[in-house]
Every structure is written in C-alpha cells, then in structure tokens.
Amino acid sequence: MTMTSRGKLEYEGTETDLFLKFNGVVIAKRGQPGSQQAGKWIVLEPGYEVIDGGDGNSILIRQQGARVH
C-alpha cells in the first residue's frame, strides 16, 4: 500500500486475481498469466489509465489524462 498527497493506492488479491484500488475504488486488475493481457493492468473504471513504471516497483495512474499517482 502506498499513500501519496494525491491519494491512497492499494493492492488487493484473491486466489486468482490481483486488483489495484485507488482511493478505495477498484480501478484495474492484473491480466492472467498465459492470456493476451498477461502482466498488464486491465482498467475497470472509465477515465483511468494504469501504466507500469518499467522497473517493477513503480506505477503511473492517470485520471482523465491528469496524473493522480
């Protein structure tokens, strides 16, 4: 879990899925291994964009084009 001045970022997992929550709202889920979306974030909330930072430790979240995390 990460807290920034822009909002609260949390990861929530089940036996089969990993979800990304921003300010208490599930905005994306991680693609399943072996699928076309494997290793990518699948956006579940309109207006959001989720991008891995490329280093395995960071993430960029945009809402309506503006960076929010």
PDB file of N, CA and C in Angstrom:
ATOM      1  N   MET A   1       0.850  -1.177   0.000  1.00  0.00           N
ATOM      2  CA  MET A   1       0.000   0.000   0.000  1.00  0.00           C
ATOM      3  C   MET A   1       0.887   1.228   0.000  1.00  0.00           C
ATOM      4  N   THR A   2       0.517   2.229  -0.783  1.00  0.00           N
ATOM      5  CA  THR A   2       1.269   3.470  -0.870  1.00  0.00           C
ATOM      6  C   THR A   2       0.326   4.641  -0.647  1.00  0.00           C
ATOM      7  N   MET A   3       0.788   5.605   0.126  1.00  0.00           N
ATOM      8  CA  MET A   3      -0.008   6.805   0.375  1.00  0.00           C
ATOM      9  C   MET A   3       0.735   7.992  -0.222  1.00  0.00           C
ATOM     10  N   THR A   4       0.061   8.791  -0.999  1.00  0.00           N
ATOM     11  CA  THR A   4       0.659   9.997  -1.553  1.00  0.00           C
ATOM     12  C   THR A   4      -0.263  11.163  -1.259  1.00  0.00           C
ATOM     13  N   SER A   5       0.210  12.350  -1.552  1.00  0.00           N
ATOM     14  CA  SER A   5      -0.644  13.520  -1.365  1.00  0.00           C
ATOM     15  C   SER A   5      -1.796  13.510  -2.356  1.00  0.00           C
ATOM     16  N   ARG A   6      -1.689  12.678  -3.367  1.00  0.00           N
ATOM     17  CA  ARG A   6      -2.725  12.608  -4.401  1.00  0.00           C
ATOM     18  C   ARG A   6      -3.749  11.527  -4.147  1.00  0.00           C
ATOM     19  N   GLY A   7      -3.477  10.621  -3.227  1.00  0.00           N
ATOM     20  CA  GLY A   7      -4.439   9.562  -2.959  1.00  0.00           C
ATOM     21  C   GLY A   7      -3.804   8.308  -2.417  1.00  0.00           C
ATOM     22  N   LYS A   8      -4.657   7.382  -2.068  1.00  0.00           N
ATOM     23  CA  LYS A   8      -4.242   6.116  -1.469  1.00  0.00           C
ATOM     24  C   LYS A   8      -4.289   5.010  -2.507  1.00  0.00           C
ATOM     25  N   LEU A   9      -3.175   4.314  -2.661  1.00  0.00           N
ATOM     26  CA  LEU A   9      -3.054   3.228  -3.615  1.00  0.00           C
ATOM     27  C   LEU A   9      -2.927   1.924  -2.841  1.00  0.00           C
ATOM     28  N   GLU A  10      -3.761   0.934  -3.191  1.00  0.00           N
ATOM     29  CA  GLU A  10      -3.733  -0.359  -2.518  1.00  0.00           C
ATOM     30  C   GLU A  10      -3.794  -1.483  -3.540  1.00  0.00           C
ATOM     31  N   TYR A  11      -3.187  -2.605  -3.181  1.00  0.00           N
ATOM     32  CA  TYR A  11      -3.289  -3.826  -3.963  1.00  0.00           C
ATOM     33  C   TYR A  11      -4.128  -4.801  -3.159  1.00  0.00           C
ATOM     34  N   GLU A  12      -5.028  -5.483  -3.823  1.00  0.00           N
ATOM     35  CA  GLU A  12      -5.892  -6.455  -3.162  1.00  0.00           C
ATOM     36  C   GLU A  12      -5.890  -7.728  -3.996  1.00  0.00           C
ATOM     37  N   GLY A  13      -5.594  -8.829  -3.355  1.00  0.00           N
ATOM     38  CA  GLY A  13      -5.509 -10.078  -4.088  1.00  0.00           C
ATOM     39  C   GLY A  13      -6.518 -11.111  -3.634  1.00  0.00           C
ATOM     40  N   THR A  14      -6.891 -11.971  -4.557  1.00  0.00           N
ATOM     41  CA  THR A  14      -7.693 -13.157  -4.277  1.00  0.00           C
ATOM     42  C   THR A  14      -6.822 -14.349  -4.668  1.00  0.00           C
ATOM     43  N   GLU A  15      -7.390 -15.523  -4.642  1.00  0.00           N
ATOM     44  CA  GLU A  15      -6.627 -16.701  -5.050  1.00  0.00           C
ATOM     45  C   GLU A  15      -6.209 -16.640  -6.512  1.00  0.00           C
ATOM     46  N   THR A  16      -6.989 -15.947  -7.337  1.00  0.00           N
ATOM     47  CA  THR A  16      -6.720 -15.939  -8.776  1.00  0.00           C
ATOM     48  C   THR A  16      -6.450 -14.567  -9.376  1.00  0.00           C
ATOM     49  N   ASP A  17      -6.767 -13.486  -8.667  1.00  0.00           N
ATOM     50  CA  ASP A  17      -6.653 -12.149  -9.258  1.00  0.00           C
ATOM     51  C   ASP A  17      -5.927 -11.174  -8.353  1.00  0.00           C
ATOM     52  N   LEU A  18      -5.328 -10.149  -8.975  1.00  0.00           N
ATOM     53  CA  LEU A  18      -4.722  -9.034  -8.256  1.00  0.00           C
ATOM     54  C   LEU A  18      -5.403  -7.765  -8.743  1.00  0.00           C
ATOM     55  N   PHE A  19      -5.936  -6.982  -7.800  1.00  0.00           N
ATOM     56  CA  PHE A  19      -6.653  -5.752  -8.121  1.00  0.00           C
ATOM     57  C   PHE A  19      -5.893  -4.548  -7.621  1.00  0.00           C
ATOM     58  N   LEU A  20      -6.075  -3.423  -8.293  1.00  0.00           N
ATOM     59  CA  LEU A  20      -5.477  -2.156  -7.910  1.00  0.00           C
ATOM     60  C   LEU A  20      -6.600  -1.219  -7.481  1.00  0.00           C
ATOM     61  N   LYS A  21      -6.501  -0.727  -6.252  1.00  0.00           N
ATOM     62  CA  LYS A  21      -7.510   0.199  -5.725  1.00  0.00           C
ATOM     63  C   LYS A  21      -6.872   1.579  -5.561  1.00  0.00           C
ATOM     64  N   PHE A  22      -7.599   2.598  -5.962  1.00  0.00           N
ATOM     65  CA  PHE A  22      -7.146   3.971  -5.792  1.00  0.00           C
ATOM     66  C   PHE A  22      -8.247   4.736  -5.066  1.00  0.00           C
ATOM     67  N   ASN A  23      -7.903   5.252  -3.896  1.00  0.00           N
ATOM     68  CA  ASN A  23      -8.874   5.952  -3.041  1.00  0.00           C
ATOM     69  C   ASN A  23     -10.116   5.101  -2.779  1.00  0.00           C
ATOM     70  N   GLY A  24      -9.895   3.797  -2.550  1.00  0.00           N
ATOM     71  CA  GLY A  24     -10.977   2.892  -2.187  1.00  0.00           C
ATOM     72  C   GLY A  24     -11.772   2.324  -3.347  1.00  0.00           C
ATOM     73  N   VAL A  25     -11.448   2.703  -4.576  1.00  0.00           N
ATOM     74  CA  VAL A  25     -12.178   2.235  -5.758  1.00  0.00           C
ATOM     75  C   VAL A  25     -11.285   1.283  -6.555  1.00  0.00           C
ATOM     76  N   VAL A  26     -11.794   0.101  -6.878  1.00  0.00           N
ATOM     77  CA  VAL A  26     -11.042  -0.835  -7.711  1.00  0.00           C
ATOM     78  C   VAL A  26     -11.023  -0.274  -9.125  1.00  0.00           C
ATOM     79  N   ILE A  27      -9.815   0.081  -9.603  1.00  0.00           N
ATOM     80  CA  ILE A  27      -9.722   0.703 -10.928  1.00  0.00           C
ATOM     81  C   ILE A  27      -9.134  -0.222 -11.987  1.00  0.00           C
ATOM     82  N   ALA A  28      -8.434  -1.295 -11.543  1.00  0.00           N
ATOM     83  CA  ALA A  28      -7.817  -2.187 -12.532  1.00  0.00           C
ATOM     84  C   ALA A  28      -7.544  -3.551 -11.925  1.00  0.00           C
ATOM     85  N   LYS A  29      -7.342  -4.521 -12.809  1.00  0.00           N
ATOM     86  CA  LYS A  29      -6.918  -5.845 -12.373  1.00  0.00           C
ATOM     87  C   LYS A  29      -5.790  -6.301 -13.277  1.00  0.00           C
ATOM     88  N   ARG A  30      -4.943  -7.144 -12.737  1.00  0.00           N
ATOM     89  CA  ARG A  30      -3.783  -7.646 -13.470  1.00  0.00           C
ATOM     90  C   ARG A  30      -4.213  -8.767 -14.397  1.00  0.00           C
ATOM     91  N   GLY A  31      -3.697  -8.747 -15.621  1.00  0.00           N
ATOM     92  CA  GLY A  31      -4.002  -9.792 -16.591  1.00  0.00           C
ATOM     93  C   GLY A  31      -3.478 -11.147 -16.141  1.00  0.00           C
ATOM     94  N   GLN A  32      -4.203 -12.187 -16.442  1.00  0.00           N
ATOM     95  CA  GLN A  32      -3.854 -13.552 -16.056  1.00  0.00           C
ATOM     96  C   GLN A  32      -2.667 -14.074 -16.874  1.00  0.00           C
ATOM     97  N   PRO A  33      -1.784 -14.846 -16.230  1.00  0.00           N
ATOM     98  CA  PRO A  33      -0.686 -15.475 -16.973  1.00  0.00           C
ATOM     99  C   PRO A  33      -1.239 -16.315 -18.128  1.00  0.00           C
ATOM    100  N   GLY A  34      -0.567 -16.254 -19.252  1.00  0.00           N
ATOM    101  CA  GLY A  34      -0.989 -17.026 -20.414  1.00  0.00           C
ATOM    102  C   GLY A  34      -2.048 -16.352 -21.260  1.00  0.00           C
ATOM    103  N   SER A  35      -2.609 -15.245 -20.767  1.00  0.00           N
ATOM    104  CA  SER A  35      -3.620 -14.521 -21.548  1.00  0.00           C
ATOM    105  C   SER A  35      -2.950 -13.415 -22.356  1.00  0.00           C
ATOM    106  N   GLN A  36      -3.701 -12.824 -23.251  1.00  0.00           N
ATOM    107  CA  GLN A  36      -3.183 -11.730 -24.075  1.00  0.00           C
ATOM    108  C   GLN A  36      -2.816 -10.515 -23.218  1.00  0.00           C
ATOM    109  N   GLN A  37      -3.459 -10.365 -22.064  1.00  0.00           N
ATOM    110  CA  GLN A  37      -3.205  -9.236 -21.164  1.00  0.00           C
ATOM    111  C   GLN A  37      -2.221  -9.571 -20.045  1.00  0.00           C
ATOM    112  N   ALA A  38      -1.565 -10.716 -20.109  1.00  0.00           N
ATOM    113  CA  ALA A  38      -0.650 -11.151 -19.052  1.00  0.00           C
ATOM    114  C   ALA A  38       0.366 -10.066 -18.721  1.00  0.00           C
ATOM    115  N   GLY A  39       0.508  -9.781 -17.427  1.00  0.00           N
ATOM    116  CA  GLY A  39       1.487  -8.797 -16.970  1.00  0.00           C
ATOM    117  C   GLY A  39       1.089  -7.357 -17.187  1.00  0.00           C
ATOM    118  N   LYS A  40      -0.125  -7.116 -17.652  1.00  0.00           N
ATOM    119  CA  LYS A  40      -0.603  -5.750 -17.888  1.00  0.00           C
ATOM    120  C   LYS A  40      -1.784  -5.462 -16.975  1.00  0.00           C
ATOM    121  N   TRP A  41      -2.020  -4.188 -16.690  1.00  0.00           N
ATOM    122  CA  TRP A  41      -3.191  -3.785 -15.921  1.00  0.00           C
ATOM    123  C   TRP A  41      -4.368  -3.596 -16.863  1.00  0.00           C
ATOM    124  N   ILE A  42      -5.495  -4.211 -16.529  1.00  0.00           N
ATOM    125  CA  ILE A  42      -6.739  -4.085 -17.296  1.00  0.00           C
ATOM    126  C   ILE A  42      -7.609  -3.090 -16.546  1.00  0.00           C
ATOM    127  N   VAL A  43      -7.850  -1.954 -17.142  1.00  0.00           N
ATOM    128  CA  VAL A  43      -8.614  -0.885 -16.489  1.00  0.00           C
ATOM    129  C   VAL A  43     -10.086  -1.282 -16.379  1.00  0.00           C
ATOM    130  N   LEU A  44     -10.641  -1.116 -15.182  1.00  0.00           N
ATOM    131  CA  LEU A  44     -12.037  -1.453 -14.918  1.00  0.00           C
ATOM    132  C   LEU A  44     -12.923  -0.225 -14.752  1.00  0.00           C
ATOM    133  N   GLU A  45     -12.314   0.928 -14.491  1.00  0.00           N
ATOM    134  CA  GLU A  45     -13.066   2.172 -14.298  1.00  0.00           C
ATOM    135  C   GLU A  45     -12.795   3.123 -15.457  1.00  0.00           C
ATOM    136  N   PRO A  46     -13.833   3.576 -16.139  1.00  0.00           N
ATOM    137  CA  PRO A  46     -13.649   4.520 -17.247  1.00  0.00           C
ATOM    138  C   PRO A  46     -12.908   5.780 -16.794  1.00  0.00           C
ATOM    139  N   GLY A  47     -12.060   6.273 -17.670  1.00  0.00           N
ATOM    140  CA  GLY A  47     -11.341   7.511 -17.399  1.00  0.00           C
ATOM    141  C   GLY A  47      -9.968   7.314 -16.777  1.00  0.00           C
ATOM    142  N   TYR A  48      -9.644   6.092 -16.355  1.00  0.00           N
ATOM    143  CA  TYR A  48      -8.344   5.820 -15.753  1.00  0.00           C
ATOM    144  C   TYR A  48      -7.408   5.184 -16.766  1.00  0.00           C
ATOM    145  N   GLU A  49      -6.116   5.395 -16.541  1.00  0.00           N
ATOM    146  CA  GLU A  49      -5.051   4.744 -17.297  1.00  0.00           C
ATOM    147  C   GLU A  49      -4.016   4.296 -16.278  1.00  0.00           C
ATOM    148  N   VAL A  50      -3.579   3.045 -16.356  1.00  0.00           N
ATOM    149  CA  VAL A  50      -2.608   2.492 -15.411  1.00  0.00           C
ATOM    150  C   VAL A  50      -1.412   1.997 -16.212  1.00  0.00           C
ATOM    151  N   ILE A  51      -0.222   2.514 -15.867  1.00  0.00           N
ATOM    152  CA  ILE A  51       0.995   2.179 -16.601  1.00  0.00           C
ATOM    153  C   ILE A  51       2.066   1.743 -15.613  1.00  0.00           C
ATOM    154  N   ASP A  52       2.678   0.571 -15.867  1.00  0.00           N
ATOM    155  CA  ASP A  52       3.810   0.129 -15.051  1.00  0.00           C
ATOM    156  C   ASP A  52       4.995   1.037 -15.338  1.00  0.00           C
ATOM    157  N   GLY A  53       5.775   1.305 -14.301  1.00  0.00           N
ATOM    158  CA  GLY A  53       6.933   2.180 -14.440  1.00  0.00           C
ATOM    159  C   GLY A  53       8.100   1.551 -15.167  1.00  0.00           C
ATOM    160  N   GLY A  54       8.035   0.247 -15.419  1.00  0.00           N
ATOM    161  CA  GLY A  54       9.105  -0.417 -16.144  1.00  0.00           C
ATOM    162  C   GLY A  54      10.186  -0.990 -15.238  1.00  0.00           C
ATOM    163  N   ASP A  55      10.227  -0.554 -13.989  1.00  0.00           N
ATOM    164  CA  ASP A  55      11.248  -1.050 -13.070  1.00  0.00           C
ATOM    165  C   ASP A  55      10.705  -2.104 -12.111  1.00  0.00           C
ATOM    166  N   GLY A  56       9.414  -2.423 -12.235  1.00  0.00           N
ATOM    167  CA  GLY A  56       8.795  -3.415 -11.375  1.00  0.00           C
ATOM    168  C   GLY A  56       8.383  -2.896 -10.008  1.00  0.00           C
ATOM    169  N   ASN A  57       8.719  -1.647  -9.715  1.00  0.00           N
ATOM    170  CA  ASN A  57       8.419  -1.080  -8.401  1.00  0.00           C
ATOM    171  C   ASN A  57       7.579   0.188  -8.442  1.00  0.00           C
ATOM    172  N   SER A  58       7.277   0.682  -9.618  1.00  0.00           N
ATOM    173  CA  SER A  58       6.514   1.926  -9.693  1.00  0.00           C
ATOM    174  C   SER A  58       5.343   1.777 -10.664  1.00  0.00           C
ATOM    175  N   ILE A  59       4.386   2.673 -10.495  1.00  0.00           N
ATOM    176  CA  ILE A  59       3.180   2.640 -11.303  1.00  0.00           C
ATOM    177  C   ILE A  59       2.719   4.073 -11.531  1.00  0.00           C
ATOM    178  N   LEU A  60       2.189   4.352 -12.701  1.00  0.00           N
ATOM    179  CA  LEU A  60       1.648   5.662 -13.035  1.00  0.00           C
ATOM    180  C   LEU A  60       0.155   5.511 -13.234  1.00  0.00           C
ATOM    181  N   ILE A  61      -0.609   6.367 -12.574  1.00  0.00           N
ATOM    182  CA  ILE A  61      -2.067   6.355 -12.739  1.00  0.00           C
ATOM    183  C   ILE A  61      -2.499   7.731 -13.220  1.00  0.00           C
ATOM    184  N   ARG A  62      -3.271   7.728 -14.291  1.00  0.00           N
ATOM    185  CA  ARG A  62      -3.854   8.964 -14.810  1.00  0.00           C
ATOM    186  C   ARG A  62      -5.368   8.838 -14.771  1.00  0.00           C
ATOM    187  N   GLN A  63      -6.008   9.953 -14.444  1.00  0.00           N
ATOM    188  CA  GLN A  63      -7.466  10.016 -14.477  1.00  0.00           C
ATOM    189  C   GLN A  63      -7.838  11.187 -15.363  1.00  0.00           C
ATOM    190  N   GLN A  64      -8.594  10.891 -16.404  1.00  0.00           N
ATOM    191  CA  GLN A  64      -8.979  11.910 -17.395  1.00  0.00           C
ATOM    192  C   GLN A  64      -7.742  12.624 -17.936  1.00  0.00           C
ATOM    193  N   GLY A  65      -6.637  11.886 -18.104  1.00  0.00           N
ATOM    194  CA  GLY A  65      -5.402  12.428 -18.671  1.00  0.00           C
ATOM    195  C   GLY A  65      -4.476  13.101 -17.678  1.00  0.00           C
ATOM    196  N   ALA A  66      -4.942  13.387 -16.466  1.00  0.00           N
ATOM    197  CA  ALA A  66      -4.108  14.049 -15.462  1.00  0.00           C
ATOM    198  C   ALA A  66      -3.500  13.007 -14.527  1.00  0.00           C
ATOM    199  N   ARG A  67      -2.213  13.160 -14.253  1.00  0.00           N
ATOM    200  CA  ARG A  67      -1.543  12.226 -13.337  1.00  0.00           C
ATOM    201  C   ARG A  67      -2.111  12.383 -11.928  1.00  0.00           C
ATOM    202  N   VAL A  68      -2.518  11.254 -11.340  1.00  0.00           N
ATOM    203  CA  VAL A  68      -3.038  11.277  -9.968  1.00  0.00           C
ATOM    204  C   VAL A  68      -2.186  10.454  -9.021  1.00  0.00           C
ATOM    205  N   HIS A  69      -1.285   9.646  -9.562  1.00  0.00           N
ATOM    206  CA  HIS A  69      -0.335   8.896  -8.718  1.00  0.00           C
ATOM    207  C   HIS A  69       0.873   8.542  -9.550  1.00  0.00           C
TER     208      HIS A  69
END
